[in-house]
Protein backbone atom coordinates (compact mmCIF):
# COMPACT_ATOMS: atom_id res chain seq x y z
CA MET A 1 -0.04 -0.16 0.06
CA PRO A 2 1.26 3.27 -0.77
CA LYS A 3 2.54 5.80 1.34
CA THR A 4 0.36 8.68 2.62
CA GLN A 5 1.36 12.58 1.87
CA GLU A 6 1.45 12.47 6.02
CA GLN A 7 3.25 9.32 6.21
CA ASN A 8 5.86 10.99 3.53
CA GLN A 9 6.19 13.88 5.20
CA GLU A 10 6.98 12.14 8.37
CA ILE A 11 9.82 10.53 6.85
CA LYS A 12 11.32 13.48 5.47
CA ASP A 13 11.07 15.45 8.58
CA GLU A 14 12.66 12.64 10.49
CA ARG A 15 15.58 12.26 8.42
CA ARG A 16 16.22 16.10 8.34
CA SER A 17 15.79 16.00 11.79
CA ASN A 18 18.81 13.24 12.01
CA ILE A 19 21.04 15.17 9.88
CA LEU A 20 20.92 18.02 12.25
CA LYS A 21 21.41 16.12 15.36
CA VAL A 22 23.98 14.56 13.91
CA ALA A 23 25.63 17.71 13.20
CA LEU A 24 25.17 19.12 16.16
CA ARG A 25 26.80 16.86 17.83
CA LEU A 26 30.18 16.71 14.87
CA PHE A 27 30.05 20.56 15.05
CA ALA A 28 29.76 20.63 18.91
CA VAL A 29 32.90 17.33 19.87
CA HIS A 30 35.27 18.55 16.62
CA GLY A 31 34.05 21.97 16.19
CA TYR A 32 32.84 23.39 12.97
CA ASP A 33 35.73 24.32 10.88
CA ALA A 34 37.01 20.22 11.22
CA THR A 35 33.57 18.62 10.25
CA THR A 36 32.71 18.07 6.39
CA ILE A 37 29.17 17.30 4.39
CA ASN A 38 31.44 14.05 4.59
CA ASP A 39 31.15 13.44 8.13
CA ILE A 40 27.78 14.67 8.33
CA THR A 41 26.36 12.28 5.48
CA GLN A 42 28.81 9.39 6.90
CA ALA A 43 27.58 9.71 10.40
CA SER A 44 23.54 9.84 9.62
CA ASN A 45 23.89 6.99 7.30
CA CYS A 46 22.45 9.42 4.42
CA SER A 47 23.93 10.02 0.32
CA HIS A 48 25.16 13.58 -0.40
CA GLY A 49 22.24 13.66 -2.40
CA LEU A 50 19.84 13.42 0.04
CA PHE A 51 21.79 15.52 2.17
CA TYR A 52 21.66 18.64 -0.16
CA HIS A 53 17.91 17.68 -0.74
CA TYR A 54 17.44 19.25 2.86
CA PHE A 55 20.59 21.72 3.11
CA SER A 56 22.36 23.78 0.52
CA SER A 57 25.27 23.54 2.74
CA LYS A 58 27.22 23.32 5.64
CA GLU A 59 26.59 26.73 6.66
CA GLU A 60 22.78 25.80 6.21
CA VAL A 61 23.01 23.61 8.59
CA PHE A 62 24.71 25.16 11.30
CA LYS A 63 22.31 28.41 11.04
CA THR A 64 18.98 26.37 11.15
CA LEU A 65 20.73 24.68 13.79
CA ILE A 66 21.08 28.35 15.62
CA GLU A 67 17.44 29.17 14.57
CA GLU A 68 15.89 26.39 16.01
CA SER A 69 18.23 26.31 19.27
CA SER A 70 16.49 29.25 19.84
CA GLU A 71 13.23 28.30 19.24
CA ARG A 72 13.65 25.83 21.65
CA GLU A 73 15.38 27.79 23.81
CA LYS A 74 18.66 26.45 23.89
CA LEU A 75 20.73 29.28 23.90
CA SER A 76 18.17 32.57 23.32
CA ARG A 77 17.60 32.59 26.97
CA VAL A 78 20.48 34.00 29.13
CA ASP A 79 20.86 31.73 32.29
CA PHE A 80 23.02 34.85 33.72
CA ASP A 81 21.05 37.81 34.41
CA PHE A 82 23.66 40.66 33.01
CA GLU A 83 21.52 43.67 32.84
CA ASN A 84 21.12 43.49 37.06
CA THR A 85 23.64 46.13 37.37
CA THR A 86 22.76 46.65 40.98
CA GLY A 87 22.36 42.99 42.37
CA SER A 88 24.78 41.13 44.39
CA PRO A 89 27.19 39.00 42.18
CA ARG A 90 27.71 36.29 44.29
CA GLU A 91 23.94 35.48 44.06
CA MET A 92 23.87 36.33 40.87
CA MET A 93 26.83 33.97 39.75
CA LYS A 94 24.95 31.02 41.59
CA THR A 95 21.94 31.41 40.26
CA GLY A 96 23.29 31.60 36.36
CA LEU A 97 25.23 28.63 37.36
CA THR A 98 22.53 27.22 38.95
CA ASN A 99 20.55 27.45 35.37
CA VAL A 100 23.45 25.90 33.34
CA LEU A 101 24.32 23.25 35.74
CA SER A 102 20.65 21.84 35.85
CA LYS A 103 20.21 21.91 32.00
CA LEU A 104 23.30 20.06 31.60
CA ALA A 105 22.34 17.47 34.12
CA THR A 106 18.45 16.97 32.34
CA PRO A 107 18.85 13.47 30.92
CA ASP A 108 18.38 13.22 27.02
CA SER A 109 18.58 17.16 26.24
CA ASP A 110 20.76 18.75 23.78
CA PHE A 111 21.96 21.40 25.75
CA PRO A 112 25.00 19.90 26.64
CA TYR A 113 25.89 19.80 22.66
CA TYR A 114 24.93 23.17 21.95
CA PHE A 115 26.56 24.80 25.04
CA TYR A 116 29.71 23.07 24.18
CA MET A 117 29.52 24.51 20.50
CA PHE A 118 28.65 27.81 22.20
CA LEU A 119 32.04 27.72 24.73
CA ASN A 120 33.87 27.30 21.74
CA ILE A 121 32.38 29.35 19.22
CA HIS A 122 35.22 32.01 19.01
CA PHE A 123 37.94 29.00 18.43
CA GLN A 124 36.28 28.56 14.86
CA LYS A 125 38.00 29.79 11.93
CA THR A 126 35.50 29.62 9.31
CA LEU A 127 32.16 29.80 11.23
CA PRO A 128 29.15 32.00 9.66
CA GLU A 129 27.53 34.57 12.01
CA PRO A 130 23.92 33.79 12.15
CA LYS A 131 21.20 36.75 13.05
CA PRO A 132 20.11 35.28 16.08
CA TRP A 133 23.72 35.88 17.73
CA LYS A 134 24.48 39.77 16.28
CA LYS A 135 21.13 40.61 18.95
CA MET A 136 23.68 39.48 21.72
CA PRO A 137 24.60 42.77 23.84
CA ALA A 138 28.35 41.60 24.31
CA ASN A 139 30.68 38.80 24.80
CA PRO A 140 29.79 36.96 26.98
CA PHE A 141 33.66 36.32 28.28
CA ILE A 142 33.26 40.26 28.99
CA LEU A 143 29.93 40.26 30.76
CA VAL A 144 31.30 37.49 33.18
CA SER A 145 34.75 39.08 33.84
CA THR A 146 32.61 42.42 34.40
CA LEU A 147 29.97 40.66 36.98
CA ILE A 148 33.07 39.18 38.42
CA LYS A 149 35.15 42.67 38.34
CA ARG A 150 31.86 44.08 40.65
CA GLY A 151 32.12 41.28 43.03
CA MET A 152 35.78 42.08 43.83
CA ASP A 153 34.95 45.87 43.98
CA LEU A 154 32.09 44.66 46.57
CA GLY A 155 34.36 42.11 48.26
CA GLU A 156 32.17 39.21 47.56
CA PHE A 157 34.95 37.84 45.47
CA GLU A 158 38.57 37.35 45.94
CA PRO A 159 41.06 39.77 44.53
CA GLY A 160 42.84 39.37 41.12
CA ASP A 161 42.40 39.57 37.79
CA PRO A 162 38.77 38.95 36.28
CA LYS A 163 39.64 37.71 33.37
CA GLU A 164 41.72 35.23 34.61
CA PHE A 165 38.89 34.31 36.71
CA ALA A 166 36.43 34.39 33.59
CA VAL A 167 38.96 32.19 31.60
CA SER A 168 38.96 29.57 34.94
CA LEU A 169 35.09 29.74 35.06
CA PHE A 170 34.73 29.17 31.14
CA SER A 171 37.27 26.41 31.01
CA LEU A 172 35.68 24.80 34.16
CA LEU A 173 32.40 24.89 32.29
CA ARG A 174 33.89 23.62 28.82
CA GLY A 175 35.29 20.36 30.79
CA LEU A 176 31.96 19.92 33.01
CA THR A 177 30.34 20.19 29.71
CA TYR A 178 32.54 17.63 27.90
CA ILE A 179 32.25 14.82 30.44
CA ARG A 180 28.66 15.57 30.56
CA ILE A 181 28.46 14.81 26.81
CA ILE A 182 31.31 11.85 26.84
CA SER A 183 30.16 9.92 30.17
CA PRO A 184 26.79 11.13 30.83
CA ASN A 185 25.98 8.28 33.47
CA ASP A 186 29.37 8.12 34.81
CA TYR A 187 29.71 11.41 36.34
CA ARG A 188 28.47 13.89 39.02
CA LEU A 189 28.36 17.12 37.76
CA PRO A 190 29.07 19.48 41.28
CA SER A 191 27.13 21.96 42.44
CA ALA A 192 26.88 25.76 42.21
CA ASP A 193 28.04 26.41 45.61
CA THR A 194 31.30 24.18 44.78
CA ILE A 195 32.19 26.03 41.70
CA LEU A 196 31.40 29.41 43.28
CA ASN A 197 33.53 28.93 46.21
CA LEU A 198 36.63 28.75 43.99
CA PHE A 199 35.88 32.37 43.52
CA LEU A 200 34.43 33.32 46.54
CA ARG A 201 36.31 35.69 49.24
CA LYS A 202 38.39 33.83 51.86
CA GLU A 203 37.80 34.99 55.36
CA ARG A 204 41.64 36.00 56.55
CA HIS A 205 42.69 35.47 60.10
């Protein structure tokens, strides 16, 4: 019996979704620069002809991932309330870390792949700039550095170079996200308090 129009559309949607899912994982783990269309077609078990039926290029695949992730609030929703310039940096950092860690720990979520890709985005040389990212107010690294600097000025964080602290924080999150990707069931993510304690000002006796 021939398939109905609805069944054919469902098959097409599943194929397209599989290509995107595979591409996301390749972009996240290997990087956009190092991933080729051939890598995507082999990993998704589809021909080049089928790939080009859905996407015109690797760039279109990437832009589609970002646009659709924004619709699913993977990257569009800010986890750190950077617009709050009067609140406690300590509490803002704790809330932001709690949000990120909670989403990283969600079973069967694509967020770890999106987040890892996002953390590595500035290391890619050939990456296109999709429209949703142009709406971001500033580089997240700069925003975190500014938040840490304000926390230092208020005596909430240990004194030091805010950029060094920000690098340490991003490197820690990058490592935790990678562990979550490759061994989702073998390790327990630390709490926001555990991470935050690395930056808090210690009492001197």
